[in-house]
PDB file of N, CA and C in Angstrom:
ATOM      1  N   MET A   1     369.432 152.780  40.217  1.00  0.00           N
ATOM      2  CA  MET A   1     368.492 153.879  40.541  1.00  0.00           C
ATOM      3  C   MET A   1     367.430 153.869  39.655  1.00  0.00           C
ATOM      4  N   ILE A   2     367.209 153.568  38.401  1.00  0.00           N
ATOM      5  CA  ILE A   2     366.184 153.531  37.680  1.00  0.00           C
ATOM      6  C   ILE A   2     365.102 152.550  38.197  1.00  0.00           C
ATOM      7  N   GLN A   3     365.596 151.359  38.760  1.00  0.00           N
ATOM      8  CA  GLN A   3     364.843 150.308  39.201  1.00  0.00           C
ATOM      9  C   GLN A   3     364.112 150.906  40.597  1.00  0.00           C
ATOM     10  N   LYS A   4     364.942 151.504  41.192  1.00  0.00           N
ATOM     11  CA  LYS A   4     364.281 152.170  42.687  1.00  0.00           C
ATOM     12  C   LYS A   4     363.355 153.101  42.485  1.00  0.00           C
ATOM     13  N   ILE A   5     363.355 154.116  41.454  1.00  0.00           N
ATOM     14  CA  ILE A   5     362.567 154.939  41.294  1.00  0.00           C
ATOM     15  C   ILE A   5     361.280 154.192  40.636  1.00  0.00           C
ATOM     16  N   SER A   6     361.480 153.307  39.527  1.00  0.00           N
ATOM     17  CA  SER A   6     360.328 152.594  39.058  1.00  0.00           C
ATOM     18  C   SER A   6     359.447 151.944  39.947  1.00  0.00           C
ATOM     19  N   ARG A   7     360.128 151.187  40.928  1.00  0.00           N
ATOM     20  CA  ARG A   7     359.481 150.547  42.019  1.00  0.00           C
ATOM     21  C   ARG A   7     358.491 151.592  42.853  1.00  0.00           C
ATOM     22  N   ILE A   8     358.988 152.557  43.135  1.00  0.00           N
ATOM     23  CA  ILE A   8     358.115 153.515  44.027  1.00  0.00           C
ATOM     24  C   ILE A   8     357.050 154.109  43.226  1.00  0.00           C
ATOM     25  N   ALA A   9     357.304 154.658  42.005  1.00  0.00           N
ATOM     26  CA  ALA A   9     356.427 155.205  41.119  1.00  0.00           C
ATOM     27  C   ALA A   9     355.201 154.157  40.767  1.00  0.00           C
ATOM     28  N   GLY A  10     355.843 152.820  40.546  1.00  0.00           N
ATOM     29  CA  GLY A  10     354.952 151.756  39.995  1.00  0.00           C
ATOM     30  C   GLY A  10     353.901 151.422  41.166  1.00  0.00           C
ATOM     31  N   TRP A  11     354.437 151.309  42.440  1.00  0.00           N
ATOM     32  CA  TRP A  11     353.492 151.030  43.511  1.00  0.00           C
ATOM     33  C   TRP A  11     352.542 152.254  43.938  1.00  0.00           C
ATOM     34  N   LEU A  12     353.091 153.573  43.644  1.00  0.00           N
ATOM     35  CA  LEU A  12     352.314 154.641  43.845  1.00  0.00           C
ATOM     36  C   LEU A  12     351.125 154.555  42.748  1.00  0.00           C
ATOM     37  N   ALA A  13     351.473 154.250  41.602  1.00  0.00           N
ATOM     38  CA  ALA A  13     350.406 154.127  40.357  1.00  0.00           C
ATOM     39  C   ALA A  13     349.562 153.139  40.707  1.00  0.00           C
ATOM     40  N   PHE A  14     349.953 152.014  41.198  1.00  0.00           N
ATOM     41  CA  PHE A  14     348.928 150.822  41.657  1.00  0.00           C
ATOM     42  C   PHE A  14     348.126 151.395  42.708  1.00  0.00           C
ATOM     43  N   ALA A  15     348.405 152.103  43.653  1.00  0.00           N
ATOM     44  CA  ALA A  15     347.675 152.590  44.845  1.00  0.00           C
ATOM     45  C   ALA A  15     346.602 153.507  44.230  1.00  0.00           C
ATOM     46  N   PHE A  16     346.911 154.293  43.370  1.00  0.00           N
ATOM     47  CA  PHE A  16     346.158 155.492  42.781  1.00  0.00           C
ATOM     48  C   PHE A  16     345.159 154.619  41.700  1.00  0.00           C
ATOM     49  N   ILE A  17     345.419 153.830  41.090  1.00  0.00           N
ATOM     50  CA  ILE A  17     344.646 152.892  40.131  1.00  0.00           C
ATOM     51  C   ILE A  17     343.486 152.253  40.974  1.00  0.00           C
ATOM     52  N   ALA A  18     343.966 151.507  42.085  1.00  0.00           N
ATOM     53  CA  ALA A  18     342.932 150.895  42.999  1.00  0.00           C
ATOM     54  C   ALA A  18     342.028 151.878  43.589  1.00  0.00           C
ATOM     55  N   PHE A  19     342.554 153.091  44.051  1.00  0.00           N
ATOM     56  CA  PHE A  19     341.715 153.849  44.643  1.00  0.00           C
ATOM     57  C   PHE A  19     340.462 154.438  43.714  1.00  0.00           C
ATOM     58  N   VAL A  20     340.972 154.975  42.537  1.00  0.00           N
ATOM     59  CA  VAL A  20     340.190 155.422  41.388  1.00  0.00           C
ATOM     60  C   VAL A  20     339.105 154.301  40.970  1.00  0.00           C
ATOM     61  N   THR A  21     339.675 153.140  41.037  1.00  0.00           N
ATOM     62  CA  THR A  21     338.790 151.961  40.353  1.00  0.00           C
ATOM     63  C   THR A  21     337.555 151.825  41.306  1.00  0.00           C
ATOM     64  N   ILE A  22     337.826 151.840  42.716  1.00  0.00           N
ATOM     65  CA  ILE A  22     336.690 151.411  43.519  1.00  0.00           C
ATOM     66  C   ILE A  22     336.125 152.684  44.347  1.00  0.00           C
ATOM     67  N   SER A  23     336.472 153.791  43.956  1.00  0.00           N
ATOM     68  CA  SER A  23     335.904 155.012  44.412  1.00  0.00           C
ATOM     69  C   SER A  23     334.596 155.451  43.668  1.00  0.00           C
ATOM     70  N   PRO A  24     333.633 156.161  44.434  1.00  0.00           N
ATOM     71  CA  PRO A  24     332.365 156.425  43.528  1.00  0.00           C
ATOM     72  C   PRO A  24     332.801 157.149  42.262  1.00  0.00           C
ATOM     73  N   ILE A  25     331.876 156.839  41.306  1.00  0.00           N
ATOM     74  CA  ILE A  25     332.047 157.201  39.902  1.00  0.00           C
ATOM     75  C   ILE A  25     332.290 158.738  39.720  1.00  0.00           C
ATOM     76  N   ASP A  26     331.681 159.437  40.743  1.00  0.00           N
ATOM     77  CA  ASP A  26     331.591 161.060  40.728  1.00  0.00           C
ATOM     78  C   ASP A  26     333.153 161.438  41.050  1.00  0.00           C
ATOM     79  N   ASP A  27     333.825 160.830  41.902  1.00  0.00           N
ATOM     80  CA  ASP A  27     335.145 161.146  42.324  1.00  0.00           C
ATOM     81  C   ASP A  27     336.196 160.610  41.359  1.00  0.00           C
ATOM     82  N   ARG A  28     335.779 159.839  40.486  1.00  0.00           N
ATOM     83  CA  ARG A  28     336.827 159.353  39.405  1.00  0.00           C
ATOM     84  C   ARG A  28     337.155 160.495  38.534  1.00  0.00           C
ATOM     85  N   PRO A  29     338.606 160.858  38.433  1.00  0.00           N
ATOM     86  CA  PRO A  29     338.968 161.883  37.401  1.00  0.00           C
ATOM     87  C   PRO A  29     338.803 161.332  36.031  1.00  0.00           C
ATOM     88  N   SER A  30     338.672 162.196  35.052  1.00  0.00           N
ATOM     89  CA  SER A  30     338.361 161.646  33.624  1.00  0.00           C
ATOM     90  C   SER A  30     339.138 162.712  32.735  1.00  0.00           C
ATOM     91  N   ILE A  31     340.060 162.131  31.965  1.00  0.00           N
ATOM     92  CA  ILE A  31     340.784 162.895  30.955  1.00  0.00           C
ATOM     93  C   ILE A  31     340.571 162.606  29.532  1.00  0.00           C
ATOM     94  N   ALA A  32     339.942 161.410  29.355  1.00  0.00           N
ATOM     95  CA  ALA A  32     339.668 160.831  27.993  1.00  0.00           C
ATOM     96  C   ALA A  32     338.595 159.666  27.995  1.00  0.00           C
ATOM     97  N   ALA A  33     338.531 159.096  26.980  1.00  0.00           N
ATOM     98  CA  ALA A  33     337.427 158.068  26.900  1.00  0.00           C
ATOM     99  C   ALA A  33     337.756 156.927  28.004  1.00  0.00           C
ATOM    100  N   PRO A  34     336.673 156.315  28.628  1.00  0.00           N
ATOM    101  CA  PRO A  34     337.269 155.284  29.707  1.00  0.00           C
ATOM    102  C   PRO A  34     338.227 154.159  29.380  1.00  0.00           C
ATOM    103  N   GLN A  35     337.985 153.579  28.168  1.00  0.00           N
ATOM    104  CA  GLN A  35     338.728 152.429  27.532  1.00  0.00           C
ATOM    105  C   GLN A  35     340.228 153.028  27.451  1.00  0.00           C
ATOM    106  N   ILE A  36     340.359 154.197  26.896  1.00  0.00           N
ATOM    107  CA  ILE A  36     341.798 154.814  26.848  1.00  0.00           C
ATOM    108  C   ILE A  36     342.443 154.953  28.172  1.00  0.00           C
ATOM    109  N   GLU A  37     341.580 155.417  29.114  1.00  0.00           N
ATOM    110  CA  GLU A  37     342.154 155.575  30.415  1.00  0.00           C
ATOM    111  C   GLU A  37     342.488 154.449  30.955  1.00  0.00           C
ATOM    112  N   HIS A  38     341.659 153.407  30.953  1.00  0.00           N
ATOM    113  CA  HIS A  38     342.209 152.138  31.509  1.00  0.00           C
ATOM    114  C   HIS A  38     343.297 151.457  30.772  1.00  0.00           C
ATOM    115  N   PHE A  39     343.389 151.588  29.367  1.00  0.00           N
ATOM    116  CA  PHE A  39     344.586 150.993  28.839  1.00  0.00           C
ATOM    117  C   PHE A  39     345.872 151.705  29.126  1.00  0.00           C
ATOM    118  N   ALA A  40     345.860 153.154  29.260  1.00  0.00           N
ATOM    119  CA  ALA A  40     346.952 153.935  29.626  1.00  0.00           C
ATOM    120  C   ALA A  40     347.423 153.705  30.915  1.00  0.00           C
ATOM    121  N   ALA A  41     346.552 153.720  31.905  1.00  0.00           N
ATOM    122  CA  ALA A  41     346.883 153.544  33.325  1.00  0.00           C
ATOM    123  C   ALA A  41     347.558 152.199  33.540  1.00  0.00           C
ATOM    124  N   PHE A  42     346.983 151.097  32.895  1.00  0.00           N
ATOM    125  CA  PHE A  42     347.775 149.898  33.182  1.00  0.00           C
ATOM    126  C   PHE A  42     348.925 149.515  32.448  1.00  0.00           C
ATOM    127  N   ALA A  43     349.051 150.387  31.178  1.00  0.00           N
ATOM    128  CA  ALA A  43     350.174 150.306  30.636  1.00  0.00           C
ATOM    129  C   ALA A  43     351.468 150.975  31.231  1.00  0.00           C
ATOM    130  N   LEU A  44     350.966 152.252  31.813  1.00  0.00           N
ATOM    131  CA  LEU A  44     351.980 153.006  32.657  1.00  0.00           C
ATOM    132  C   LEU A  44     352.455 151.944  33.951  1.00  0.00           C
ATOM    133  N   LEU A  45     351.360 151.403  34.557  1.00  0.00           N
ATOM    134  CA  LEU A  45     351.724 150.576  35.759  1.00  0.00           C
ATOM    135  C   LEU A  45     352.684 149.232  35.230  1.00  0.00           C
ATOM    136  N   GLY A  46     352.373 148.772  34.053  1.00  0.00           N
ATOM    137  CA  GLY A  46     353.128 147.618  33.549  1.00  0.00           C
ATOM    138  C   GLY A  46     354.598 148.015  33.286  1.00  0.00           C
ATOM    139  N   LEU A  47     354.800 149.188  32.587  1.00  0.00           N
ATOM    140  CA  LEU A  47     356.075 149.678  32.305  1.00  0.00           C
ATOM    141  C   LEU A  47     356.787 149.969  33.515  1.00  0.00           C
ATOM    142  N   LEU A  48     356.216 150.517  34.607  1.00  0.00           N
ATOM    143  CA  LEU A  48     357.002 150.931  35.713  1.00  0.00           C
ATOM    144  C   LEU A  48     357.485 149.720  36.544  1.00  0.00           C
ATOM    145  N   LEU A  49     356.409 148.764  36.708  1.00  0.00           N
ATOM    146  CA  LEU A  49     356.623 147.583  37.522  1.00  0.00           C
ATOM    147  C   LEU A  49     357.707 146.763  36.936  1.00  0.00           C
ATOM    148  N   VAL A  50     357.723 146.529  35.536  1.00  0.00           N
ATOM    149  CA  VAL A  50     358.711 145.686  34.930  1.00  0.00           C
ATOM    150  C   VAL A  50     359.931 146.270  34.818  1.00  0.00           C
ATOM    151  N   MET A  51     360.138 147.583  34.768  1.00  0.00           N
ATOM    152  CA  MET A  51     361.520 148.316  34.935  1.00  0.00           C
ATOM    153  C   MET A  51     361.935 148.327  36.523  1.00  0.00           C
ATOM    154  N   GLY A  52     360.950 148.234  37.526  1.00  0.00           N
ATOM    155  CA  GLY A  52     361.389 148.146  38.819  1.00  0.00           C
ATOM    156  C   GLY A  52     361.691 146.716  39.287  1.00  0.00           C
ATOM    157  N   TYR A  53     361.135 145.790  38.653  1.00  0.00           N
ATOM    158  CA  TYR A  53     361.480 144.244  38.846  1.00  0.00           C
ATOM    159  C   TYR A  53     361.755 143.543  37.520  1.00  0.00           C
ATOM    160  N   PRO A  54     362.934 143.895  36.771  1.00  0.00           N
ATOM    161  CA  PRO A  54     363.426 143.333  35.686  1.00  0.00           C
ATOM    162  C   PRO A  54     363.419 141.893  35.602  1.00  0.00           C
ATOM    163  N   ARG A  55     363.849 141.443  36.675  1.00  0.00           N
ATOM    164  CA  ARG A  55     364.093 139.838  36.825  1.00  0.00           C
ATOM    165  C   ARG A  55     362.938 139.149  37.283  1.00  0.00           C
ATOM    166  N   ARG A  56     361.840 139.752  37.358  1.00  0.00           N
ATOM    167  CA  ARG A  56     360.809 139.216  37.844  1.00  0.00           C
ATOM    168  C   ARG A  56     359.508 139.503  36.950  1.00  0.00           C
ATOM    169  N   ALA A  57     359.853 139.561  35.590  1.00  0.00           N
ATOM    170  CA  ALA A  57     358.914 139.903  34.654  1.00  0.00           C
ATOM    171  C   ALA A  57     357.618 138.957  34.753  1.00  0.00           C
ATOM    172  N   LEU A  58     357.656 137.586  34.960  1.00  0.00           N
ATOM    173  CA  LEU A  58     356.614 136.859  34.866  1.00  0.00           C
ATOM    174  C   LEU A  58     355.774 137.098  36.191  1.00  0.00           C
ATOM    175  N   ALA A  59     356.440 137.394  37.243  1.00  0.00           N
ATOM    176  CA  ALA A  59     355.443 137.953  38.471  1.00  0.00           C
ATOM    177  C   ALA A  59     354.831 139.118  38.208  1.00  0.00           C
ATOM    178  N   VAL A  60     355.373 139.970  37.412  1.00  0.00           N
ATOM    179  CA  VAL A  60     354.774 141.191  37.130  1.00  0.00           C
ATOM    180  C   VAL A  60     353.381 141.031  36.205  1.00  0.00           C
ATOM    181  N   VAL A  61     353.715 140.108  35.216  1.00  0.00           N
ATOM    182  CA  VAL A  61     352.617 139.763  34.278  1.00  0.00           C
ATOM    183  C   VAL A  61     351.429 139.334  34.980  1.00  0.00           C
ATOM    184  N   VAL A  62     351.673 138.433  35.878  1.00  0.00           N
ATOM    185  CA  VAL A  62     350.553 137.712  36.700  1.00  0.00           C
ATOM    186  C   VAL A  62     349.903 138.758  37.571  1.00  0.00           C
ATOM    187  N   MET A  63     350.703 139.641  38.187  1.00  0.00           N
ATOM    188  CA  MET A  63     350.190 140.712  39.044  1.00  0.00           C
ATOM    189  C   MET A  63     349.340 141.712  38.433  1.00  0.00           C
ATOM    190  N   ILE A  64     349.788 141.996  37.109  1.00  0.00           N
ATOM    191  CA  ILE A  64     348.995 143.084  36.299  1.00  0.00           C
ATOM    192  C   ILE A  64     347.696 142.346  35.779  1.00  0.00           C
ATOM    193  N   ALA A  65     347.900 141.129  35.432  1.00  0.00           N
ATOM    194  CA  ALA A  65     346.631 140.442  34.862  1.00  0.00           C
ATOM    195  C   ALA A  65     345.529 140.128  36.113  1.00  0.00           C
ATOM    196  N   ALA A  66     346.107 139.822  37.119  1.00  0.00           N
ATOM    197  CA  ALA A  66     345.150 139.541  38.291  1.00  0.00           C
ATOM    198  C   ALA A  66     344.467 140.808  38.860  1.00  0.00           C
ATOM    199  N   SER A  67     345.349 141.878  38.941  1.00  0.00           N
ATOM    200  CA  SER A  67     344.848 143.067  39.441  1.00  0.00           C
ATOM    201  C   SER A  67     343.835 143.635  38.622  1.00  0.00           C
ATOM    202  N   ALA A  68     343.910 143.581  37.227  1.00  0.00           N
ATOM    203  CA  ALA A  68     343.072 144.231  36.305  1.00  0.00           C
ATOM    204  C   ALA A  68     341.575 143.508  36.554  1.00  0.00           C
ATOM    205  N   TYR A  69     341.803 142.301  36.719  1.00  0.00           N
ATOM    206  CA  TYR A  69     340.456 141.551  37.002  1.00  0.00           C
ATOM    207  C   TYR A  69     339.758 141.615  38.302  1.00  0.00           C
ATOM    208  N   ALA A  70     340.617 141.616  39.230  1.00  0.00           N
ATOM    209  CA  ALA A  70     340.373 141.679  40.666  1.00  0.00           C
ATOM    210  C   ALA A  70     339.887 143.361  40.749  1.00  0.00           C
ATOM    211  N   LEU A  71     340.394 144.092  40.615  1.00  0.00           N
ATOM    212  CA  LEU A  71     340.015 145.422  40.697  1.00  0.00           C
ATOM    213  C   LEU A  71     338.621 145.833  39.877  1.00  0.00           C
ATOM    214  N   GLU A  72     338.585 145.180  38.923  1.00  0.00           N
ATOM    215  CA  GLU A  72     337.074 145.355  38.130  1.00  0.00           C
ATOM    216  C   GLU A  72     336.074 144.596  38.902  1.00  0.00           C
ATOM    217  N   ALA A  73     336.305 143.464  39.382  1.00  0.00           N
ATOM    218  CA  ALA A  73     335.283 142.693  40.170  1.00  0.00           C
ATOM    219  C   ALA A  73     334.995 143.456  41.542  1.00  0.00           C
ATOM    220  N   LEU A  74     336.081 144.290  42.023  1.00  0.00           N
ATOM    221  CA  LEU A  74     335.627 144.914  43.323  1.00  0.00           C
ATOM    222  C   LEU A  74     334.601 145.968  43.123  1.00  0.00           C
ATOM    223  N   GLN A  75     334.496 146.402  41.938  1.00  0.00           N
ATOM    224  CA  GLN A  75     333.448 147.455  41.661  1.00  0.00           C
ATOM    225  C   GLN A  75     332.025 147.009  41.644  1.00  0.00           C
ATOM    226  N   LEU A  76     331.964 145.507  41.847  1.00  0.00           N
ATOM    227  CA  LEU A  76     330.578 145.172  42.181  1.00  0.00           C
ATOM    228  C   LEU A  76     330.245 145.240  43.527  1.00  0.00           C
ATOM    229  N   LEU A  77     331.062 145.651  44.393  1.00  0.00           N
ATOM    230  CA  LEU A  77     330.833 145.943  45.951  1.00  0.00           C
ATOM    231  C   LEU A  77     330.211 147.330  45.859  1.00  0.00           C
ATOM    232  N   THR A  78     330.594 148.246  45.190  1.00  0.00           N
ATOM    233  CA  THR A  78     329.946 149.631  45.160  1.00  0.00           C
ATOM    234  C   THR A  78     328.732 149.868  44.498  1.00  0.00           C
ATOM    235  N   PRO A  79     327.835 150.582  44.914  1.00  0.00           N
ATOM    236  CA  PRO A  79     326.429 150.594  44.390  1.00  0.00           C
ATOM    237  C   PRO A  79     326.288 151.435  42.986  1.00  0.00           C
ATOM    238  N   ASP A  80     327.311 152.459  42.858  1.00  0.00           N
ATOM    239  CA  ASP A  80     327.338 153.157  41.497  1.00  0.00           C
ATOM    240  C   ASP A  80     328.315 152.699  40.480  1.00  0.00           C
ATOM    241  N   ARG A  81     328.985 151.513  40.681  1.00  0.00           N
ATOM    242  CA  ARG A  81     330.030 151.259  39.704  1.00  0.00           C
ATOM    243  C   ARG A  81     329.361 150.020  39.219  1.00  0.00           C
ATOM    244  N   HIS A  82     329.970 149.419  37.991  1.00  0.00           N
ATOM    245  CA  HIS A  82     329.802 148.362  37.424  1.00  0.00           C
ATOM    246  C   HIS A  82     331.058 147.498  36.885  1.00  0.00           C
ATOM    247  N   ALA A  83     331.131 146.356  36.959  1.00  0.00           N
ATOM    248  CA  ALA A  83     332.144 145.496  36.361  1.00  0.00           C
ATOM    249  C   ALA A  83     331.888 144.976  35.291  1.00  0.00           C
ATOM    250  N   ARG A  84     332.962 144.988  34.183  1.00  0.00           N
ATOM    251  CA  ARG A  84     332.748 144.686  32.934  1.00  0.00           C
ATOM    252  C   ARG A  84     333.868 143.843  32.479  1.00  0.00           C
ATOM    253  N   LEU A  85     333.760 142.637  31.907  1.00  0.00           N
ATOM    254  CA  LEU A  85     334.811 141.826  31.455  1.00  0.00           C
ATOM    255  C   LEU A  85     335.685 142.608  30.438  1.00  0.00           C
ATOM    256  N   LEU A  86     335.011 143.355  29.622  1.00  0.00           N
ATOM    257  CA  LEU A  86     335.728 144.319  28.489  1.00  0.00           C
ATOM    258  C   LEU A  86     336.751 145.208  29.231  1.00  0.00           C
ATOM    259  N   ASP A  87     336.236 145.881  30.343  1.00  0.00           N
ATOM    260  CA  ASP A  87     337.168 146.886  31.042  1.00  0.00           C
ATOM    261  C   ASP A  87     338.366 146.182  31.497  1.00  0.00           C
ATOM    262  N   ALA A  88     338.060 144.948  32.112  1.00  0.00           N
ATOM    263  CA  ALA A  88     339.249 144.384  32.596  1.00  0.00           C
ATOM    264  C   ALA A  88     340.261 143.856  31.699  1.00  0.00           C
ATOM    265  N   THR A  89     339.598 143.390  30.597  1.00  0.00           N
ATOM    266  CA  THR A  89     340.407 142.916  29.481  1.00  0.00           C
ATOM    267  C   THR A  89     341.315 144.055  28.898  1.00  0.00           C
ATOM    268  N   VAL A  90     340.819 145.182  28.668  1.00  0.00           N
ATOM    269  CA  VAL A  90     341.397 146.509  28.435  1.00  0.00           C
ATOM    270  C   VAL A  90     342.522 146.869  29.231  1.00  0.00           C
ATOM    271  N   LYS A  91     342.181 146.575  30.604  1.00  0.00           N
ATOM    272  CA  LYS A  91     343.300 146.965  31.461  1.00  0.00           C
ATOM    273  C   LYS A  91     344.459 145.956  31.353  1.00  0.00           C
ATOM    274  N   ALA A  92     344.081 144.671  31.306  1.00  0.00           N
ATOM    275  CA  ALA A  92     345.204 143.734  31.182  1.00  0.00           C
ATOM    276  C   ALA A  92     346.048 143.752  29.903  1.00  0.00           C
ATOM    277  N   VAL A  93     345.391 144.059  28.771  1.00  0.00           N
ATOM    278  CA  VAL A  93     346.116 144.259  27.595  1.00  0.00           C
ATOM    279  C   VAL A  93     347.130 145.594  27.730  1.00  0.00           C
ATOM    280  N   GLY A  94     346.485 146.503  28.267  1.00  0.00           N
ATOM    281  CA  GLY A  94     347.206 147.680  28.438  1.00  0.00           C
ATOM    282  C   GLY A  94     348.496 147.380  29.382  1.00  0.00           C
ATOM    283  N   GLY A  95     348.199 146.796  30.350  1.00  0.00           N
ATOM    284  CA  GLY A  95     349.406 146.355  31.364  1.00  0.00           C
ATOM    285  C   GLY A  95     350.501 145.495  30.640  1.00  0.00           C
ATOM    286  N   LEU A  96     349.972 144.455  29.696  1.00  0.00           N
ATOM    287  CA  LEU A  96     350.820 143.679  28.928  1.00  0.00           C
ATOM    288  C   LEU A  96     351.625 144.563  27.924  1.00  0.00           C
ATOM    289  N   CYS A  97     351.047 145.432  27.212  1.00  0.00           N
ATOM    290  CA  CYS A  97     351.724 146.401  26.455  1.00  0.00           C
ATOM    291  C   CYS A  97     352.916 147.061  27.122  1.00  0.00           C
ATOM    292  N   GLY A  98     352.415 147.646  28.320  1.00  0.00           N
ATOM    293  CA  GLY A  98     353.554 148.584  29.139  1.00  0.00           C
ATOM    294  C   GLY A  98     354.565 147.482  29.656  1.00  0.00           C
ATOM    295  N   ILE A  99     354.421 146.353  29.867  1.00  0.00           N
ATOM    296  CA  ILE A  99     355.405 145.334  30.338  1.00  0.00           C
ATOM    297  C   ILE A  99     356.368 145.164  28.922  1.00  0.00           C
ATOM    298  N   GLY A 100     355.779 145.031  27.892  1.00  0.00           N
ATOM    299  CA  GLY A 100     356.610 144.958  26.472  1.00  0.00           C
ATOM    300  C   GLY A 100     357.435 145.901  26.407  1.00  0.00           C
ATOM    301  N   ALA A 101     356.842 147.209  26.513  1.00  0.00           N
ATOM    302  CA  ALA A 101     357.587 148.300  26.300  1.00  0.00           C
ATOM    303  C   ALA A 101     358.739 148.577  27.402  1.00  0.00           C
ATOM    304  N   GLY A 102     358.456 148.127  28.430  1.00  0.00           N
ATOM    305  CA  GLY A 102     359.362 148.232  29.659  1.00  0.00           C
ATOM    306  C   GLY A 102     360.596 147.264  29.210  1.00  0.00           C
ATOM    307  N   ARG A 103     360.237 145.888  28.826  1.00  0.00           N
ATOM    308  CA  ARG A 103     361.348 144.825  28.447  1.00  0.00           C
ATOM    309  C   ARG A 103     362.190 145.460  27.207  1.00  0.00           C
ATOM    310  N   ILE A 104     361.769 146.316  26.506  1.00  0.00           N
ATOM    311  CA  ILE A 104     362.554 146.763  25.330  1.00  0.00           C
ATOM    312  C   ILE A 104     363.306 148.022  25.854  1.00  0.00           C
ATOM    313  N   LEU A 105     362.687 149.040  26.656  1.00  0.00           N
ATOM    314  CA  LEU A 105     363.161 150.270  27.005  1.00  0.00           C
ATOM    315  C   LEU A 105     364.216 150.133  28.052  1.00  0.00           C
ATOM    316  N   LEU A 106     364.053 149.065  28.924  1.00  0.00           N
ATOM    317  CA  LEU A 106     365.061 149.101  30.044  1.00  0.00           C
ATOM    318  C   LEU A 106     366.736 148.914  29.720  1.00  0.00           C
ATOM    319  N   PRO A 107     366.777 147.949  28.707  1.00  0.00           N
ATOM    320  CA  PRO A 107     368.263 147.747  28.297  1.00  0.00           C
ATOM    321  C   PRO A 107     368.688 148.904  27.644  1.00  0.00           C
ATOM    322  N   LEU A 108     367.883 149.722  26.911  1.00  0.00           N
ATOM    323  CA  LEU A 108     368.327 150.848  26.141  1.00  0.00           C
ATOM    324  C   LEU A 108     368.627 151.912  27.108  1.00  0.00           C
ATOM    325  N   LEU A 109     367.934 152.029  28.155  1.00  0.00           N
ATOM    326  CA  LEU A 109     368.196 153.077  29.162  1.00  0.00           C
ATOM    327  C   LEU A 109     369.674 152.624  30.039  1.00  0.00           C
ATOM    328  N   GLN A 110     369.691 151.323  30.285  1.00  0.00           N
ATOM    329  CA  GLN A 110     370.780 151.004  30.930  1.00  0.00           C
ATOM    330  C   GLN A 110     371.922 151.109  30.119  1.00  0.00           C
ATOM    331  N   ASP A 111     372.050 150.964  28.809  1.00  0.00           N
ATOM    332  CA  ASP A 111     373.107 151.188  28.016  1.00  0.00           C
ATOM    333  C   ASP A 111     373.528 152.521  28.036  1.00  0.00           C
ATOM    334  N   GLN A 112     372.471 153.583  28.008  1.00  0.00           N
ATOM    335  CA  GLN A 112     372.876 154.978  27.919  1.00  0.00           C
ATOM    336  C   GLN A 112     373.479 155.286  29.324  1.00  0.00           C
ATOM    337  N   ILE A 113     373.107 154.641  30.581  1.00  0.00           N
ATOM    338  CA  ILE A 113     373.559 154.912  31.560  1.00  0.00           C
ATOM    339  C   ILE A 113     375.079 154.473  31.902  1.00  0.00           C
ATOM    340  N   ASP A 114     375.313 153.321  31.173  1.00  0.00           N
ATOM    341  CA  ASP A 114     376.558 152.713  31.088  1.00  0.00           C
ATOM    342  C   ASP A 114     377.611 153.666  30.416  1.00  0.00           C
ATOM    343  N   ARG A 115     377.098 154.213  29.208  1.00  0.00           N
ATOM    344  CA  ARG A 115     377.923 155.099  28.389  1.00  0.00           C
ATOM    345  C   ARG A 115     378.384 156.394  29.295  1.00  0.00           C
ATOM    346  N   PHE A 116     377.266 156.750  29.847  1.00  0.00           N
ATOM    347  CA  PHE A 116     377.457 158.036  30.557  1.00  0.00           C
ATOM    348  C   PHE A 116     378.519 157.946  31.839  1.00  0.00           C
ATOM    349  N   ARG A 117     378.379 156.727  32.464  1.00  0.00           N
ATOM    350  CA  ARG A 117     379.334 156.589  33.468  1.00  0.00           C
ATOM    351  C   ARG A 117     380.895 156.354  32.958  1.00  0.00           C
ATOM    352  N   LYS A 118     381.003 155.702  31.753  1.00  0.00           N
ATOM    353  CA  LYS A 118     382.340 155.614  31.113  1.00  0.00           C
ATOM    354  C   LYS A 118     382.921 156.948  30.517  1.00  0.00           C
ATOM    355  N   LEU A 119     382.151 158.163  30.595  1.00  0.00           N
ATOM    356  CA  LEU A 119     382.712 159.283  30.056  1.00  0.00           C
ATOM    357  C   LEU A 119     383.816 159.754  31.162  1.00  0.00           C
ATOM    358  N   PRO A 120     384.898 160.368  30.551  1.00  0.00           N
ATOM    359  CA  PRO A 120     386.051 160.865  31.513  1.00  0.00           C
ATOM    360  C   PRO A 120     385.392 162.001  32.480  1.00  0.00           C
ATOM    361  N   GLN A 121     385.768 161.753  33.464  1.00  0.00           N
ATOM    362  CA  GLN A 121     385.318 162.809  34.689  1.00  0.00           C
ATOM    363  C   GLN A 121     385.975 164.112  34.278  1.00  0.00           C
ATOM    364  N   GLN A 122     385.211 165.151  34.271  1.00  0.00           N
ATOM    365  CA  GLN A 122     385.377 166.467  33.924  1.00  0.00           C
ATOM    366  C   GLN A 122     385.819 167.184  35.223  1.00  0.00           C
ATOM    367  N   SER A 123     386.938 167.823  35.224  1.00  0.00           N
ATOM    368  CA  SER A 123     387.230 168.531  36.547  1.00  0.00           C
ATOM    369  C   SER A 123     386.744 169.925  36.487  1.00  0.00           C
ATOM    370  N   ALA A 124     386.346 170.644  37.532  1.00  0.00           N
ATOM    371  CA  ALA A 124     385.958 171.889  37.657  1.00  0.00           C
ATOM    372  C   ALA A 124     387.011 172.994  37.507  1.00  0.00           C
ATOM    373  N   GLY A 125     388.283 172.462  37.293  1.00  0.00           N
ATOM    374  CA  GLY A 125     389.499 173.261  37.146  1.00  0.00           C
ATOM    375  C   GLY A 125     389.458 174.591  36.972  1.00  0.00           C
TER     376      GLY A 125
END
């Protein structure tokens, strides 16, 4: 169940990040400093995707890194955006941190779910 929800949320997050990255600068939501937003967005994306695809961690790493640089490069196609190597690197590092957190968090969550399932069924008697 965690994997299914994480997959859906991860792909929705990716779509949102892609949209925001290549949309006009005035349409981009802003809640913090740009570098913090870049890091946090890709950290969340990495976390969700590695939890959704735990047996494909290497593929998730490649996808996160490639998408960080590719989405940044796509900004060259828009007249009011700019592509920066630093921005792409911050995104990639954020994604890798999210992947690391997911690799730590998933076994802990799975352990809690397994413990919950082992509890005796309580009847509504």
